[in-house]
N, C-alpha and C. Protein backbone atom coordinates (compact mmCIF):
# COMPACT_ATOMS: atom_id res chain seq x y z
N MET A 1 -9.69 -28.52 24.09
CA MET A 1 -10.80 -28.52 23.22
C MET A 1 -10.26 -28.61 21.89
N GLU A 2 -10.96 -29.24 20.90
CA GLU A 2 -10.56 -29.25 19.52
C GLU A 2 -11.50 -28.91 18.61
N ILE A 3 -11.11 -28.55 17.44
CA ILE A 3 -11.82 -28.17 16.22
C ILE A 3 -11.37 -28.98 15.10
N ILE A 4 -12.44 -29.20 14.12
CA ILE A 4 -11.96 -29.98 12.96
C ILE A 4 -11.94 -29.01 11.74
N THR A 5 -10.68 -29.19 10.95
CA THR A 5 -10.78 -28.30 9.67
C THR A 5 -11.93 -28.55 8.83
N LYS A 6 -12.43 -27.61 8.14
CA LYS A 6 -13.58 -27.77 7.10
C LYS A 6 -13.11 -28.59 5.90
N ASP A 7 -11.86 -28.15 5.44
CA ASP A 7 -11.39 -28.88 4.15
C ASP A 7 -10.64 -30.13 4.17
N THR A 8 -9.71 -30.35 5.17
CA THR A 8 -8.97 -31.47 5.31
C THR A 8 -9.58 -32.51 6.45
N LYS A 9 -10.42 -32.00 7.23
CA LYS A 9 -11.00 -32.76 8.21
C LYS A 9 -9.95 -33.10 9.45
N ASN A 10 -9.04 -32.39 9.51
CA ASN A 10 -7.84 -32.68 10.58
C ASN A 10 -8.23 -31.94 11.87
N LYS A 11 -7.81 -32.65 12.97
CA LYS A 11 -8.21 -32.26 14.36
C LYS A 11 -7.17 -31.24 14.75
N VAL A 12 -7.50 -30.09 15.31
CA VAL A 12 -6.65 -29.00 15.85
C VAL A 12 -7.08 -28.81 17.43
N ILE A 13 -6.07 -29.00 18.06
CA ILE A 13 -6.25 -28.59 19.59
C ILE A 13 -6.13 -27.24 19.85
N LEU A 14 -7.23 -26.63 20.51
CA LEU A 14 -7.14 -25.11 20.94
C LEU A 14 -7.07 -25.02 22.45
N SER A 15 -6.55 -23.97 22.89
CA SER A 15 -6.34 -23.69 24.40
C SER A 15 -7.61 -23.19 24.97
N ASP A 16 -7.91 -23.94 26.05
CA ASP A 16 -9.05 -23.49 26.70
C ASP A 16 -8.99 -22.23 27.34
N LYS A 17 -7.83 -21.59 27.51
CA LYS A 17 -7.60 -20.34 28.15
C LYS A 17 -8.06 -19.40 27.21
N VAL A 18 -8.17 -19.47 25.87
CA VAL A 18 -8.39 -18.56 24.91
C VAL A 18 -9.76 -18.80 24.30
N PHE A 19 -10.26 -20.14 23.97
CA PHE A 19 -11.59 -20.35 23.38
C PHE A 19 -12.49 -21.12 24.17
N ASN A 20 -12.38 -21.07 25.45
CA ASN A 20 -13.29 -21.60 26.34
C ASN A 20 -13.51 -20.91 27.52
N ARG A 21 -13.79 -19.54 27.28
CA ARG A 21 -14.06 -18.42 28.42
C ARG A 21 -15.30 -18.23 28.60
N HIS A 22 -15.91 -17.73 29.70
CA HIS A 22 -17.23 -17.47 29.74
C HIS A 22 -17.48 -16.07 29.21
N TYR A 23 -18.73 -15.76 28.71
CA TYR A 23 -19.09 -14.59 27.90
C TYR A 23 -19.28 -13.33 28.92
N ASN A 24 -18.38 -12.44 28.87
CA ASN A 24 -18.23 -11.26 29.78
C ASN A 24 -18.79 -10.20 29.08
N LYS A 25 -20.15 -9.97 29.24
CA LYS A 25 -20.82 -8.94 28.47
C LYS A 25 -20.47 -7.57 28.79
N SER A 26 -20.24 -7.18 30.07
CA SER A 26 -19.83 -5.83 30.61
C SER A 26 -18.50 -5.51 29.94
N LEU A 27 -17.47 -6.40 30.19
CA LEU A 27 -16.05 -6.16 29.55
C LEU A 27 -16.05 -6.08 28.12
N ILE A 28 -16.95 -6.82 27.44
CA ILE A 28 -16.96 -6.76 25.91
C ILE A 28 -17.55 -5.21 25.69
N HIS A 29 -18.63 -4.89 26.37
CA HIS A 29 -19.16 -3.43 26.23
C HIS A 29 -18.18 -2.27 26.30
N GLN A 30 -17.30 -2.55 27.42
CA GLN A 30 -16.33 -1.34 27.71
C GLN A 30 -15.34 -1.34 26.54
N VAL A 31 -14.93 -2.47 26.02
CA VAL A 31 -13.74 -2.46 24.99
C VAL A 31 -14.27 -2.10 23.54
N VAL A 32 -15.57 -2.48 23.27
CA VAL A 32 -16.29 -1.99 22.06
C VAL A 32 -16.37 -0.45 22.14
N GLU A 33 -16.87 0.00 23.18
CA GLU A 33 -17.17 1.42 23.31
C GLU A 33 -15.62 2.29 23.17
N SER A 34 -14.59 1.69 23.89
CA SER A 34 -13.36 2.24 23.78
C SER A 34 -12.89 2.41 22.33
N TYR A 35 -13.13 1.04 21.62
CA TYR A 35 -12.68 1.11 20.07
C TYR A 35 -13.35 2.05 19.39
N ARG A 36 -14.65 2.20 19.57
CA ARG A 36 -15.45 3.19 18.81
C ARG A 36 -15.06 4.54 19.06
N THR A 37 -14.76 4.95 20.40
CA THR A 37 -14.35 6.13 20.69
C THR A 37 -12.83 6.67 20.04
N VAL A 38 -11.94 5.68 20.25
CA VAL A 38 -10.67 5.92 19.69
C VAL A 38 -10.80 6.17 18.05
N SER A 39 -11.77 5.52 17.40
CA SER A 39 -11.86 5.38 15.95
C SER A 39 -12.39 6.78 15.35
N ARG A 40 -13.00 7.48 16.31
CA ARG A 40 -13.71 8.81 15.88
C ARG A 40 -12.30 9.77 15.40
N GLN A 41 -12.70 10.46 14.32
CA GLN A 41 -11.81 11.16 13.74
C GLN A 41 -11.33 12.54 14.33
N GLY A 42 -12.31 13.22 14.83
CA GLY A 42 -12.07 14.51 15.59
C GLY A 42 -11.21 15.38 14.66
N SER A 43 -11.55 15.39 13.35
CA SER A 43 -10.72 16.32 12.45
C SER A 43 -11.45 17.66 12.07
N LYS A 44 -12.55 18.06 12.78
CA LYS A 44 -13.24 19.26 12.35
C LYS A 44 -12.44 20.47 12.99
N ALA A 45 -12.14 21.37 12.10
CA ALA A 45 -11.33 22.53 12.51
C ALA A 45 -11.82 23.74 11.83
N GLN A 46 -11.84 24.87 12.69
CA GLN A 46 -12.41 26.24 12.13
C GLN A 46 -11.10 27.16 12.54
N LYS A 47 -11.21 28.40 11.87
CA LYS A 47 -10.29 29.31 12.21
C LYS A 47 -10.78 30.45 13.08
N THR A 48 -10.04 30.81 14.05
CA THR A 48 -10.34 32.10 15.06
C THR A 48 -10.00 33.33 14.37
N ARG A 49 -10.23 34.47 14.93
CA ARG A 49 -9.90 35.57 14.32
C ARG A 49 -8.49 35.93 14.14
N GLY A 50 -7.54 35.13 15.03
CA GLY A 50 -6.19 35.27 14.99
C GLY A 50 -5.75 34.49 13.76
N GLU A 51 -6.26 33.64 13.23
CA GLU A 51 -5.92 32.72 12.26
C GLU A 51 -6.19 32.98 10.77
N VAL A 52 -7.43 33.72 10.75
CA VAL A 52 -7.86 34.06 9.22
C VAL A 52 -6.99 34.89 8.54
N LYS A 53 -6.96 34.90 7.28
CA LYS A 53 -6.06 35.58 6.43
C LYS A 53 -6.71 37.09 6.32
N GLY A 54 -5.67 38.04 6.44
CA GLY A 54 -6.12 39.50 6.30
C GLY A 54 -5.22 40.45 7.08
N SER A 55 -5.29 41.73 6.73
CA SER A 55 -4.49 42.61 7.26
C SER A 55 -4.89 43.07 8.82
N GLY A 56 -4.04 43.56 9.71
CA GLY A 56 -4.43 43.91 10.97
C GLY A 56 -4.79 45.54 11.23
N LYS A 57 -4.87 46.02 9.89
CA LYS A 57 -5.21 47.53 9.78
C LYS A 57 -6.50 47.84 10.17
N LYS A 58 -6.77 48.98 10.93
CA LYS A 58 -8.27 49.40 11.22
C LYS A 58 -8.75 49.91 9.85
N PRO A 59 -9.92 49.16 9.60
CA PRO A 59 -10.53 49.31 8.13
C PRO A 59 -10.87 50.93 7.88
N TRP A 60 -11.36 51.67 8.90
CA TRP A 60 -11.76 53.14 8.70
C TRP A 60 -11.61 53.71 10.00
N ARG A 61 -11.64 55.11 9.98
CA ARG A 61 -11.35 55.85 11.25
C ARG A 61 -12.54 55.73 12.25
N GLN A 62 -12.28 55.90 13.54
CA GLN A 62 -13.13 55.61 14.68
C GLN A 62 -14.32 56.54 14.53
N LYS A 63 -14.23 57.67 14.22
CA LYS A 63 -15.40 58.68 14.31
C LYS A 63 -15.66 59.47 12.96
N GLY A 64 -16.97 59.76 12.64
CA GLY A 64 -17.16 60.75 11.44
C GLY A 64 -17.61 60.06 10.29
N THR A 65 -17.61 58.88 10.16
CA THR A 65 -18.00 58.05 8.90
C THR A 65 -19.46 57.69 9.02
N GLY A 66 -20.05 57.78 10.05
CA GLY A 66 -21.54 57.33 10.24
C GLY A 66 -21.61 55.73 10.22
N LYS A 67 -20.46 55.17 10.12
CA LYS A 67 -20.56 53.64 10.30
C LYS A 67 -20.31 53.15 11.73
N ALA A 68 -20.42 51.96 12.05
CA ALA A 68 -20.23 51.44 13.31
C ALA A 68 -18.72 51.30 13.39
N ARG A 69 -18.22 51.37 14.56
CA ARG A 69 -16.72 51.15 14.93
C ARG A 69 -16.27 49.76 14.56
N ALA A 70 -15.08 49.79 14.04
CA ALA A 70 -14.46 48.49 13.59
C ALA A 70 -13.01 48.52 13.77
N GLY A 71 -12.50 47.46 14.27
CA GLY A 71 -11.00 47.59 14.59
C GLY A 71 -10.38 46.62 13.73
N SER A 72 -11.06 45.59 13.07
CA SER A 72 -10.43 44.47 12.45
C SER A 72 -11.33 43.71 11.41
N LEU A 73 -10.95 43.45 10.35
CA LEU A 73 -11.78 42.56 9.35
C LEU A 73 -11.74 41.26 9.65
N GLN A 74 -10.91 40.85 10.39
CA GLN A 74 -10.94 39.40 10.92
C GLN A 74 -11.92 39.13 12.12
N SER A 75 -12.81 40.20 12.37
CA SER A 75 -13.70 39.95 13.47
C SER A 75 -14.72 38.94 13.17
N PRO A 76 -15.31 38.21 13.99
CA PRO A 76 -16.30 37.21 13.66
C PRO A 76 -17.68 37.80 13.20
N ILE A 77 -17.75 39.14 13.31
CA ILE A 77 -19.17 39.71 12.79
C ILE A 77 -19.05 39.97 11.29
N TRP A 78 -17.84 39.99 10.61
CA TRP A 78 -17.65 40.22 9.26
C TRP A 78 -17.69 38.86 8.66
N ARG A 79 -18.19 38.95 7.23
CA ARG A 79 -18.14 37.85 6.27
C ARG A 79 -16.56 37.59 6.13
N SER A 80 -16.32 36.26 6.11
CA SER A 80 -15.02 35.60 5.99
C SER A 80 -14.17 36.00 7.20
N GLY A 81 -14.79 36.51 8.21
CA GLY A 81 -14.07 36.85 9.55
C GLY A 81 -13.83 35.34 10.20
N GLY A 82 -13.06 35.50 11.43
CA GLY A 82 -12.89 34.19 12.21
C GLY A 82 -14.20 33.78 13.02
N VAL A 83 -14.07 32.69 13.51
CA VAL A 83 -15.37 31.91 14.31
C VAL A 83 -14.97 32.26 15.74
N THR A 84 -16.16 32.68 16.37
CA THR A 84 -15.99 32.91 17.69
C THR A 84 -15.52 32.00 18.76
N PHE A 85 -16.13 30.72 18.74
CA PHE A 85 -15.75 29.64 19.45
C PHE A 85 -15.42 28.55 18.49
N ALA A 86 -14.18 28.62 17.87
CA ALA A 86 -13.81 27.77 16.76
C ALA A 86 -13.60 26.31 17.21
N SER A 87 -14.18 25.30 16.44
CA SER A 87 -13.92 24.00 16.68
C SER A 87 -12.42 23.54 16.46
N LYS A 88 -11.66 22.69 17.20
CA LYS A 88 -10.38 22.43 16.82
C LYS A 88 -10.11 20.87 16.81
N ASN A 89 -8.96 20.44 16.27
CA ASN A 89 -8.89 18.92 16.19
C ASN A 89 -8.78 18.48 17.55
N LYS A 90 -9.51 17.22 17.71
CA LYS A 90 -9.54 16.65 19.12
C LYS A 90 -9.21 15.04 18.89
N ILE A 91 -8.54 14.75 20.00
CA ILE A 91 -8.23 13.17 20.04
C ILE A 91 -9.24 12.67 20.84
N TYR A 92 -9.92 11.86 20.68
CA TYR A 92 -11.01 11.02 21.58
C TYR A 92 -10.39 9.79 21.85
N TYR A 93 -10.30 9.57 23.24
CA TYR A 93 -9.54 8.61 24.00
C TYR A 93 -10.45 8.01 25.25
N LYS A 94 -10.48 6.65 25.17
CA LYS A 94 -10.90 6.05 26.43
C LYS A 94 -10.29 4.87 26.91
N LYS A 95 -9.64 4.94 28.07
CA LYS A 95 -8.70 4.00 28.21
C LYS A 95 -9.24 2.73 28.60
N VAL A 96 -8.49 1.62 28.02
CA VAL A 96 -8.73 0.27 28.25
C VAL A 96 -7.38 -0.43 28.32
N ASN A 97 -7.11 -1.01 29.45
CA ASN A 97 -5.67 -1.68 29.46
C ASN A 97 -5.62 -2.87 28.57
N LYS A 98 -4.35 -3.26 28.33
CA LYS A 98 -4.17 -4.35 27.46
C LYS A 98 -4.77 -5.92 27.86
N LYS A 99 -4.75 -5.96 29.33
CA LYS A 99 -5.30 -7.21 29.82
C LYS A 99 -6.77 -7.26 29.67
N MET A 100 -7.40 -6.12 29.78
CA MET A 100 -9.00 -6.14 29.67
C MET A 100 -9.22 -6.32 28.06
N TYR A 101 -8.32 -5.74 27.16
CA TYR A 101 -8.69 -5.96 25.74
C TYR A 101 -8.63 -7.33 25.43
N ARG A 102 -7.33 -8.17 25.85
CA ARG A 102 -7.17 -9.54 25.48
C ARG A 102 -8.33 -10.27 26.03
N ASN A 103 -8.72 -10.09 27.12
CA ASN A 103 -9.70 -10.95 27.88
C ASN A 103 -10.99 -10.71 27.09
N ALA A 104 -11.37 -9.56 26.62
CA ALA A 104 -12.48 -9.31 25.86
C ALA A 104 -12.62 -10.12 24.48
N LEU A 105 -11.20 -10.11 23.86
CA LEU A 105 -11.17 -10.98 22.47
C LEU A 105 -11.29 -12.37 22.90
N LYS A 106 -10.66 -12.96 23.99
CA LYS A 106 -10.95 -14.31 24.36
C LYS A 106 -12.53 -14.57 24.55
N SER A 107 -12.98 -13.73 25.22
CA SER A 107 -14.47 -14.07 25.56
C SER A 107 -15.29 -13.95 24.14
N ILE A 108 -15.07 -13.07 23.41
CA ILE A 108 -15.71 -12.90 22.05
C ILE A 108 -15.38 -14.32 21.20
N PHE A 109 -14.09 -14.75 21.05
CA PHE A 109 -13.74 -15.90 20.42
C PHE A 109 -14.39 -17.00 20.97
N SER A 110 -14.35 -17.19 22.36
CA SER A 110 -15.18 -18.36 22.93
C SER A 110 -16.70 -18.49 22.62
N GLU A 111 -17.30 -17.25 22.51
CA GLU A 111 -18.71 -17.31 22.06
C GLU A 111 -18.87 -17.74 20.65
N LEU A 112 -18.02 -17.19 19.90
CA LEU A 112 -18.10 -17.43 18.54
C LEU A 112 -17.85 -18.92 18.22
N PHE A 113 -17.04 -19.61 19.06
CA PHE A 113 -16.71 -20.87 18.95
C PHE A 113 -17.91 -21.64 19.29
N ARG A 114 -18.59 -21.35 20.54
CA ARG A 114 -19.77 -22.05 21.07
C ARG A 114 -20.95 -22.10 20.09
N LYS A 115 -21.09 -20.90 19.18
CA LYS A 115 -22.19 -20.84 18.35
C LYS A 115 -21.84 -21.20 16.98
N ASN A 116 -20.63 -21.98 16.84
CA ASN A 116 -20.31 -22.46 15.48
C ASN A 116 -20.12 -21.44 14.44
N ARG A 117 -19.61 -20.31 14.73
CA ARG A 117 -19.46 -19.39 13.87
C ARG A 117 -17.99 -19.19 13.17
N ILE A 118 -17.13 -20.08 13.76
CA ILE A 118 -15.80 -20.12 13.45
C ILE A 118 -15.59 -21.34 12.34
N ILE A 119 -15.12 -21.01 11.18
CA ILE A 119 -14.83 -22.14 10.29
C ILE A 119 -13.39 -22.14 10.14
N LEU A 120 -12.83 -23.20 10.45
CA LEU A 120 -11.30 -23.44 10.36
C LEU A 120 -10.73 -24.18 9.11
N LEU A 121 -9.96 -23.67 8.35
CA LEU A 121 -9.30 -24.17 7.10
C LEU A 121 -7.87 -24.27 7.27
N SER A 122 -7.42 -25.32 6.49
CA SER A 122 -5.92 -25.54 6.54
C SER A 122 -5.12 -24.21 5.81
N ASP A 123 -5.71 -23.76 4.89
CA ASP A 123 -5.30 -22.49 4.21
C ASP A 123 -6.40 -21.92 3.27
N PHE A 124 -6.20 -20.65 2.92
CA PHE A 124 -7.21 -20.04 2.16
C PHE A 124 -6.37 -19.20 1.05
N ILE A 125 -6.32 -19.70 -0.09
CA ILE A 125 -5.56 -18.94 -1.18
C ILE A 125 -6.39 -19.04 -2.48
N ILE A 126 -6.35 -18.10 -3.16
CA ILE A 126 -6.96 -17.89 -4.50
C ILE A 126 -5.79 -17.73 -5.58
N LYS A 127 -5.81 -18.25 -6.66
CA LYS A 127 -4.81 -18.35 -7.72
C LYS A 127 -4.71 -16.99 -8.53
N LYS A 128 -5.93 -16.33 -8.54
CA LYS A 128 -5.92 -15.02 -9.56
C LYS A 128 -6.84 -13.98 -8.76
N PRO A 129 -6.37 -12.83 -8.96
CA PRO A 129 -7.29 -11.78 -8.07
C PRO A 129 -8.57 -11.36 -8.73
N LYS A 130 -9.59 -12.40 -8.75
CA LYS A 130 -10.76 -12.45 -9.48
C LYS A 130 -11.83 -12.51 -8.37
N THR A 131 -12.70 -11.55 -8.32
CA THR A 131 -14.02 -11.52 -7.47
C THR A 131 -14.73 -12.78 -7.63
N LYS A 132 -15.05 -13.22 -8.77
CA LYS A 132 -15.73 -14.22 -9.15
C LYS A 132 -15.23 -15.70 -8.62
N ILE A 133 -13.81 -15.63 -8.58
CA ILE A 133 -13.18 -16.95 -8.17
C ILE A 133 -13.40 -16.99 -6.69
N LEU A 134 -13.46 -15.90 -6.05
CA LEU A 134 -13.46 -15.77 -4.60
C LEU A 134 -14.98 -16.01 -4.15
N ILE A 135 -16.14 -15.53 -4.88
CA ILE A 135 -17.36 -15.93 -4.63
C ILE A 135 -17.52 -17.42 -4.94
N ASN A 136 -17.10 -18.04 -5.83
CA ASN A 136 -17.30 -19.37 -6.07
C ASN A 136 -16.51 -20.21 -4.96
N LYS A 137 -15.31 -19.82 -4.38
CA LYS A 137 -14.86 -20.49 -3.30
C LYS A 137 -15.55 -20.57 -1.95
N LEU A 138 -16.35 -19.37 -1.90
CA LEU A 138 -17.08 -19.29 -0.64
C LEU A 138 -18.68 -19.87 -0.85
N LYS A 139 -18.91 -20.34 -2.00
CA LYS A 139 -20.37 -20.78 -2.13
C LYS A 139 -20.69 -21.87 -1.15
N ASN A 140 -19.85 -22.87 -0.67
CA ASN A 140 -20.21 -23.69 0.27
C ASN A 140 -20.67 -23.16 1.61
N PHE A 141 -20.16 -21.88 2.01
CA PHE A 141 -20.48 -21.19 3.23
C PHE A 141 -21.54 -20.23 3.06
N SER A 142 -22.61 -20.62 3.88
CA SER A 142 -23.90 -19.47 3.64
C SER A 142 -23.51 -18.42 4.69
N PHE A 143 -23.67 -17.14 4.17
CA PHE A 143 -23.25 -16.17 5.06
C PHE A 143 -23.82 -14.74 4.51
N LYS A 144 -23.86 -13.96 5.51
CA LYS A 144 -24.39 -12.46 5.00
C LYS A 144 -23.08 -11.61 5.01
N LYS A 145 -22.33 -11.79 6.23
CA LYS A 145 -21.33 -10.98 6.39
C LYS A 145 -20.11 -11.92 7.03
N ILE A 146 -18.86 -11.88 6.23
CA ILE A 146 -17.85 -12.83 6.68
C ILE A 146 -16.58 -12.14 6.71
N ILE A 147 -15.70 -12.76 7.72
CA ILE A 147 -14.30 -12.23 7.84
C ILE A 147 -13.33 -13.28 7.56
N ILE A 148 -12.47 -13.09 6.67
CA ILE A 148 -11.37 -14.06 6.37
C ILE A 148 -10.12 -13.66 7.14
N ILE A 149 -9.61 -14.64 8.07
CA ILE A 149 -8.38 -14.14 8.86
C ILE A 149 -7.36 -15.02 8.54
N SER A 150 -6.16 -14.64 8.08
CA SER A 150 -5.10 -15.39 7.83
C SER A 150 -3.90 -14.72 8.46
N ILE A 151 -2.62 -15.36 8.51
CA ILE A 151 -1.62 -14.73 9.16
C ILE A 151 -0.89 -13.69 8.41
N SER A 152 -1.15 -13.55 7.25
CA SER A 152 -0.68 -12.43 6.35
C SER A 152 -1.82 -12.24 5.35
N ILE A 153 -2.08 -11.13 4.77
CA ILE A 153 -3.10 -10.81 3.83
C ILE A 153 -2.29 -11.18 2.43
N GLU A 154 -2.78 -12.18 1.79
CA GLU A 154 -2.43 -12.52 0.42
C GLU A 154 -2.97 -11.64 -0.69
N LYS A 155 -2.16 -11.02 -1.54
CA LYS A 155 -2.27 -10.08 -2.55
C LYS A 155 -3.66 -10.33 -3.37
N ASN A 156 -3.65 -11.52 -3.97
CA ASN A 156 -4.81 -11.72 -4.72
C ASN A 156 -6.22 -11.92 -4.02
N LEU A 157 -6.04 -12.29 -2.71
CA LEU A 157 -7.32 -12.40 -1.86
C LEU A 157 -7.82 -11.08 -1.57
N PHE A 158 -6.72 -10.10 -1.35
CA PHE A 158 -7.17 -8.79 -0.91
C PHE A 158 -7.72 -7.94 -2.16
N LEU A 159 -7.19 -8.21 -3.50
CA LEU A 159 -7.80 -7.53 -4.65
C LEU A 159 -9.21 -8.29 -5.06
N ALA A 160 -9.33 -9.44 -4.77
CA ALA A 160 -10.54 -10.12 -5.14
C ALA A 160 -11.82 -9.76 -4.43
N SER A 161 -11.58 -9.27 -3.04
CA SER A 161 -12.51 -8.95 -2.16
C SER A 161 -12.77 -7.47 -2.09
N ARG A 162 -12.14 -6.74 -2.86
CA ARG A 162 -12.37 -5.22 -2.73
C ARG A 162 -13.72 -4.73 -3.06
N ASN A 163 -14.31 -5.36 -4.01
CA ASN A 163 -15.60 -5.09 -4.42
C ASN A 163 -16.84 -5.67 -3.63
N LEU A 164 -16.44 -6.38 -2.60
CA LEU A 164 -17.41 -7.17 -1.87
C LEU A 164 -17.63 -6.51 -0.59
N HIS A 165 -18.61 -5.74 -0.26
CA HIS A 165 -18.77 -4.95 0.90
C HIS A 165 -19.14 -5.92 2.23
N ASN A 166 -19.40 -7.20 1.94
CA ASN A 166 -19.87 -8.14 3.03
C ASN A 166 -18.67 -8.95 3.36
N ILE A 167 -17.52 -8.82 2.78
CA ILE A 167 -16.40 -9.47 3.09
C ILE A 167 -15.07 -8.75 3.61
N GLU A 168 -14.55 -9.10 4.74
CA GLU A 168 -13.49 -8.34 5.20
C GLU A 168 -12.31 -9.39 5.29
N ILE A 169 -11.15 -8.83 4.84
CA ILE A 169 -9.87 -9.60 4.91
C ILE A 169 -8.99 -9.09 6.05
N LYS A 170 -8.66 -9.77 6.99
CA LYS A 170 -7.86 -9.38 7.96
C LYS A 170 -6.77 -10.35 8.38
N ASN A 171 -5.42 -9.73 8.84
CA ASN A 171 -4.38 -10.64 9.24
C ASN A 171 -4.66 -10.89 10.86
N SER A 172 -3.89 -11.91 11.25
CA SER A 172 -4.15 -12.19 12.75
C SER A 172 -3.81 -11.11 13.68
N MET A 173 -2.92 -10.10 13.24
CA MET A 173 -2.39 -9.20 14.12
C MET A 173 -3.51 -7.88 14.07
N ASN A 174 -4.41 -7.79 13.23
CA ASN A 174 -5.20 -6.76 12.85
C ASN A 174 -6.70 -7.06 13.18
N ILE A 175 -7.01 -7.89 13.97
CA ILE A 175 -8.46 -8.17 14.20
C ILE A 175 -8.87 -7.19 15.24
N ASN A 176 -10.35 -7.04 15.31
CA ASN A 176 -11.00 -5.95 16.37
C ASN A 176 -12.21 -6.53 16.71
N PRO A 177 -12.69 -6.16 18.04
CA PRO A 177 -13.83 -6.66 18.51
C PRO A 177 -15.19 -6.41 17.81
N ILE A 178 -15.14 -5.20 17.05
CA ILE A 178 -16.45 -5.01 16.43
C ILE A 178 -16.57 -5.80 15.20
N SER A 179 -15.58 -6.01 14.34
CA SER A 179 -15.60 -6.87 13.17
C SER A 179 -16.03 -8.16 13.61
N LEU A 180 -15.34 -8.79 14.55
CA LEU A 180 -15.69 -9.99 15.04
C LEU A 180 -17.14 -10.21 15.50
N ILE A 181 -17.66 -9.31 16.25
CA ILE A 181 -19.10 -9.34 16.78
C ILE A 181 -20.15 -9.26 15.50
N ASN A 182 -19.63 -8.29 14.59
CA ASN A 182 -20.68 -8.13 13.51
C ASN A 182 -20.74 -9.10 12.41
N SER A 183 -19.81 -9.95 12.40
CA SER A 183 -19.64 -10.96 11.27
C SER A 183 -20.63 -12.25 11.64
N ASP A 184 -21.25 -12.77 10.47
CA ASP A 184 -21.93 -14.06 10.68
C ASP A 184 -21.08 -15.29 10.89
N LYS A 185 -20.06 -15.17 9.96
CA LYS A 185 -19.02 -16.38 10.01
C LYS A 185 -17.62 -15.85 9.97
N ILE A 186 -16.75 -16.61 10.47
CA ILE A 186 -15.28 -16.31 10.60
C ILE A 186 -14.44 -17.30 9.92
N ILE A 187 -13.92 -17.15 8.80
CA ILE A 187 -13.11 -18.24 8.25
C ILE A 187 -11.63 -17.92 8.67
N ILE A 188 -10.98 -18.86 9.34
CA ILE A 188 -9.66 -18.46 9.73
C ILE A 188 -8.92 -19.72 9.43
N THR A 189 -7.57 -19.55 9.17
CA THR A 189 -6.60 -20.60 8.82
C THR A 189 -6.00 -21.09 10.20
N ILE A 190 -5.31 -22.20 10.00
CA ILE A 190 -4.76 -23.06 11.13
C ILE A 190 -3.52 -22.07 11.74
N ASN A 191 -2.55 -21.55 10.74
CA ASN A 191 -1.58 -20.69 11.14
C ASN A 191 -2.03 -19.31 11.93
N ALA A 192 -3.18 -18.85 11.35
CA ALA A 192 -3.68 -17.57 12.10
C ALA A 192 -4.46 -17.90 13.39
N ILE A 193 -5.22 -18.97 13.48
CA ILE A 193 -5.68 -19.23 14.78
C ILE A 193 -4.63 -19.70 15.92
N LYS A 194 -3.54 -20.26 15.55
CA LYS A 194 -2.46 -20.57 16.38
C LYS A 194 -1.76 -19.38 16.76
N HIS A 195 -1.59 -18.35 15.85
CA HIS A 195 -0.85 -16.93 16.06
C HIS A 195 -1.75 -16.09 16.96
N ILE A 196 -3.09 -16.15 17.05
CA ILE A 196 -4.03 -15.51 17.74
C ILE A 196 -3.95 -16.17 19.17
N GLU A 197 -3.80 -17.43 19.37
CA GLU A 197 -3.73 -18.08 20.52
C GLU A 197 -2.57 -17.73 21.26
N GLU A 198 -1.26 -17.68 20.58
CA GLU A 198 0.11 -17.06 21.30
C GLU A 198 -0.18 -15.56 21.64
N ILE A 199 -0.93 -14.85 20.92
CA ILE A 199 -1.07 -13.29 21.17
C ILE A 199 -1.90 -13.11 22.43
N LEU A 200 -2.88 -14.04 22.60
CA LEU A 200 -3.92 -13.70 23.73
C LEU A 200 -3.63 -14.68 24.96
N LYS A 201 -2.73 -15.57 24.92
CA LYS A 201 -2.47 -16.19 26.11
C LYS A 201 -2.00 -15.40 27.24
């Protein structure tokens, strides 16, 4: 199969094994769920009575004070004491093997290609790190959310896109299924699409 570059009108031959696969909805769902699960931070942490700061000394004698018995100021019943069932850092993980992940990306790219959501360019470079220059360069492409994929992230392009929430800059090694699915259009350079083809074969 072939695709024509938008800027130079050159024909580029693409592999059917990567860009002409059937849409496997269940596989894509598994991969997306796995990616979302792994992306969870799991960084919530609380201290138990053994971890809070304080002396281990008994605060007052056992009998004769009229107060309730107390053995430690780190007890969860006290203010600034430990938490009874403290939350700890957790690593969220849902296994998806490499072959499944690659096949899901192939399926996604094939569907994007069928729906004409992939725009192939010979190159995508801006001379200055200016947001206005990038917006002017993208005027010809109607979009709400767009990903620009190149073989390496060019500094000027990265700096120009930082203020634009609807534009993502990715290199060909750093693509993920959620970004691909959520984008309206994908602008990709010839070098990047050939690199992706090699990775996913």
